Protein backbone atom coordinates (compact mmCIF):
# COMPACT_ATOMS: atom_id res chain seq x y z
CA MET A 1 23.28 20.23 41.80
CA ASP A 2 24.50 23.91 42.84
CA ARG A 3 26.04 26.68 40.35
CA LEU A 4 29.53 25.66 41.06
CA ASP A 5 29.17 21.78 40.49
CA LYS A 6 27.31 22.65 37.05
CA GLN A 7 30.18 24.66 36.11
CA LEU A 8 32.54 22.25 37.19
CA ALA A 9 30.36 19.28 35.97
CA LEU A 10 31.47 20.76 32.44
CA VAL A 11 34.87 21.83 32.96
CA PHE A 12 35.19 17.81 34.09
CA GLU A 13 33.17 17.49 30.24
CA LEU A 14 34.95 19.83 28.33
CA ASP A 15 38.44 17.49 29.80
CA LYS A 16 37.57 15.26 26.38
CA LEU A 17 38.38 17.84 24.28
CA LYS A 18 41.89 16.77 24.58
CA SER A 19 41.19 13.56 22.90
CA VAL A 20 38.98 15.01 19.91
CA LEU A 21 42.22 14.48 17.04
CA ARG A 22 42.27 17.07 14.15
CA ARG A 23 44.30 16.18 11.06
CA THR A 24 47.36 18.80 11.62
CA LYS A 25 50.12 17.54 13.62
CA VAL A 26 52.27 18.88 15.56
CA LYS A 27 55.87 20.17 14.41
CA SER A 28 57.00 20.27 17.69
CA ALA A 29 55.73 16.79 19.00
CA GLN A 30 57.26 14.59 16.24
CA GLY A 31 54.57 14.08 14.51
CA ARG A 32 51.50 13.43 16.52
CA LEU A 33 48.08 14.74 15.41
CA GLU A 34 46.90 17.76 16.96
CA ASN A 35 43.95 17.89 19.52
CA THR A 36 40.97 20.04 19.13
CA ALA A 37 42.05 21.96 22.74
CA GLU A 38 45.19 22.37 22.01
CA HIS A 39 43.93 24.04 18.58
CA SER A 40 41.46 26.61 20.82
CA TRP A 41 44.11 27.40 23.23
CA HIS A 42 46.40 28.00 20.17
CA VAL A 43 44.12 29.94 18.02
CA ALA A 44 42.82 32.27 21.27
CA THR A 45 46.69 32.97 21.74
CA MET A 46 47.11 33.96 18.57
CA ALA A 47 44.15 36.09 18.40
CA LEU A 48 45.79 38.04 21.28
CA LEU A 49 48.89 38.50 19.40
CA CYS A 50 47.24 39.45 16.43
CA GLU A 51 44.50 41.72 16.77
CA GLU A 52 46.16 44.64 15.25
CA HIS A 53 45.67 42.64 11.77
CA ALA A 54 41.47 42.64 12.27
CA ASP A 55 40.15 45.05 9.91
CA GLU A 56 37.51 46.45 12.01
CA PRO A 57 38.19 47.29 15.99
CA VAL A 58 37.69 43.95 17.94
CA ASN A 59 36.84 43.61 21.71
CA ILE A 60 39.67 41.02 21.77
CA ASN A 61 37.96 39.19 25.12
CA THR A 62 34.93 38.43 23.14
CA VAL A 63 37.14 36.95 20.66
CA ILE A 64 38.94 35.33 22.90
CA LYS A 65 35.78 33.71 24.04
CA MET A 66 34.43 32.70 21.06
CA LEU A 67 37.88 31.04 20.17
CA LEU A 68 38.07 29.02 23.61
CA LEU A 69 34.67 28.07 22.93
CA HIS A 70 33.84 27.54 19.37
CA ASP A 71 35.16 23.92 18.80
CA ILE A 72 33.56 22.39 22.29
CA VAL A 73 30.99 21.20 20.01
CA GLU A 74 33.68 18.27 18.81
CA ILE A 75 33.52 16.31 22.36
CA ASP A 76 30.16 14.83 20.50
CA ALA A 77 30.22 15.75 16.80
CA GLY A 78 33.95 15.21 16.23
CA ASP A 79 36.40 16.95 14.01
CA THR A 80 34.80 17.16 10.95
CA PHE A 81 38.28 16.98 8.10
CA VAL A 82 37.56 20.96 6.47
CA TYR A 83 37.59 19.48 2.71
CA ASP A 84 35.57 16.64 3.22
CA ALA A 85 32.47 18.29 1.99
CA VAL A 86 30.03 15.01 2.35
CA ALA A 87 31.20 15.03 5.76
CA SER A 88 30.57 18.51 6.44
CA GLN A 89 27.15 18.80 5.72
CA SER A 90 26.17 16.74 8.47
CA GLN A 91 28.19 18.32 10.67
CA GLN A 92 25.76 21.88 11.80
CA GLN A 93 23.46 20.04 12.84
CA LYS A 94 25.65 17.68 15.11
CA GLU A 95 27.14 20.93 16.17
CA LEU A 96 23.88 22.18 17.26
CA GLU A 97 22.95 19.13 19.11
CA ALA A 98 26.42 19.18 21.14
CA ALA A 99 25.56 22.86 21.98
CA ASP A 100 22.01 22.49 23.23
CA ARG A 101 24.01 19.94 25.04
CA LEU A 102 26.83 21.73 26.62
CA PHE A 103 26.12 24.55 27.37
CA GLY A 104 23.17 22.95 29.38
CA TYR A 105 24.92 21.91 31.96
CA LEU A 106 25.36 25.59 33.57
CA GLU A 107 22.29 27.89 34.98
CA PRO A 108 20.08 29.43 32.13
CA GLU A 109 21.87 32.92 32.50
CA GLN A 110 25.17 31.73 32.02
CA ARG A 111 23.80 29.07 29.67
CA ALA A 112 22.74 31.64 27.78
CA GLU A 113 25.38 34.62 27.73
CA LEU A 114 27.84 31.65 26.16
CA ARG A 115 25.83 30.19 23.93
CA ALA A 116 25.34 33.18 22.48
CA ILE A 117 28.69 33.82 22.00
CA TRP A 118 28.86 30.44 20.36
CA ASP A 119 25.91 31.39 18.41
CA GLU A 120 27.76 34.74 17.32
CA PHE A 121 30.91 32.65 16.42
CA GLU A 122 28.91 30.44 13.87
CA GLN A 123 27.35 33.52 12.67
CA ALA A 124 30.40 34.82 11.22
CA GLN A 125 28.19 38.58 11.42
CA SER A 126 30.02 40.76 13.90
CA ALA A 127 33.49 42.11 13.55
CA GLU A 128 34.90 40.09 16.25
CA ALA A 129 33.10 36.85 14.58
CA ARG A 130 34.52 37.84 11.64
CA PHE A 131 38.11 38.09 12.95
CA ALA A 132 37.82 35.10 15.22
CA LYS A 133 37.07 33.11 11.46
CA ALA A 134 39.81 34.25 10.17
CA MET A 135 41.79 33.06 13.09
CA ASP A 136 40.42 29.91 12.71
CA ARG A 137 41.18 29.64 9.40
CA PHE A 138 44.38 31.21 9.50
CA ILE A 139 46.19 28.72 11.99
CA PRO A 140 45.47 25.32 10.29
CA LEU A 141 46.86 26.85 6.93
CA LEU A 142 49.97 28.12 8.94
CA MET A 143 50.39 24.69 10.38
CA ASN A 144 50.60 22.98 7.65
CA PHE A 145 52.74 25.09 5.66
CA ASN A 146 55.40 24.77 8.43
CA ASN A 147 54.44 20.57 8.46
CA SER A 148 55.49 20.68 4.67
CA GLY A 149 52.20 20.76 3.76
CA GLN A 150 51.85 17.85 5.86
CA SER A 151 47.49 17.17 5.86
CA TRP A 152 47.20 18.64 2.13
CA VAL A 153 49.58 15.98 1.04
CA GLU A 154 48.41 13.05 2.76
CA HIS A 155 44.49 14.03 1.43
CA GLY A 156 45.64 15.59 -1.79
CA ILE A 157 44.75 18.87 -1.90
CA SER A 158 44.17 21.43 -4.59
CA ARG A 159 45.31 25.22 -4.20
CA SER A 160 41.52 26.01 -5.45
CA GLN A 161 40.12 24.34 -2.19
CA VAL A 162 42.75 25.73 -0.10
CA ILE A 163 41.59 29.15 -1.74
CA ALA A 164 37.73 27.98 -1.40
CA ILE A 165 37.79 27.38 2.35
CA ASN A 166 39.76 29.70 3.42
CA GLY A 167 38.51 33.04 1.89
CA ARG A 168 36.61 33.89 5.06
CA ILE A 169 40.19 35.69 6.33
CA GLU A 170 39.67 38.06 4.26
CA LYS A 171 36.50 38.84 5.66
CA GLY A 172 38.37 39.61 9.12
CA SER A 173 42.04 40.62 8.20
CA ARG A 174 43.46 41.52 4.93
CA ALA A 175 46.83 41.30 6.10
CA LEU A 176 46.24 37.93 7.30
CA TRP A 177 44.84 36.89 3.80
CA THR A 178 47.60 38.72 1.85
CA LYS A 179 50.06 36.29 4.38
CA ALA A 180 47.90 33.31 3.34
CA LEU A 181 47.86 33.70 -0.39
CA ASN A 182 51.44 34.15 -0.42
CA ILE A 183 52.19 30.74 1.77
CA ILE A 184 49.67 28.97 -0.55
CA GLU A 185 51.38 29.79 -3.33
CA THR A 186 54.26 28.76 -2.26
CA SER A 187 53.14 25.76 -1.19
CA VAL A 188 52.17 24.88 -4.59
CA GLU A 189 55.56 25.77 -5.98
CA ASN A 190 56.81 23.19 -3.17
CA GLY A 191 54.45 20.71 -4.31
CA TRP A 192 52.78 20.50 -0.91
CA LEU A 193 49.56 21.28 -2.90
CA LYS A 194 48.20 20.77 -6.39
CA PRO A 195 47.88 23.55 -8.65
CA GLU A 196 44.30 23.63 -9.96
């Protein structure tokens, strides 16, 4: 296969992301579960809109690339509920194997470039990765809040769990972390999160 054929083969493979369901429901679609492709588009758009709230200057093009690529590994690894500590333990290895397979469709230099962006996101050391991680954690929190705590209520999630999982928001955007804390406290008051 030539370069274009390899790229198009990956594009077709990425179509599978549309069938990976997450735990959050799409409010505008009367309770249908969100898929990972929708999440990736939504969070990338949010980053574009909220760039000014990054704690450090970021290259927004890199952030958007990270957010469009970060969950493609769920094609093989599936979506693990972020509050499921047991399932999360094996998720990293599954995702590494999926990244090898999926980026392996591409010619070596493009494979290396895109894999480096994915790895940078995973390592969360750069300003771009910290901001992208903040976006990735904030949007499910926002969606849950606007769905009356839907997945938190369904799974009996507590305030302390949400704070522990979403604390990385603060590393990329203190403004969004302040907003997240307000959302969390309001959710406790509304009975959508257990208070402990």
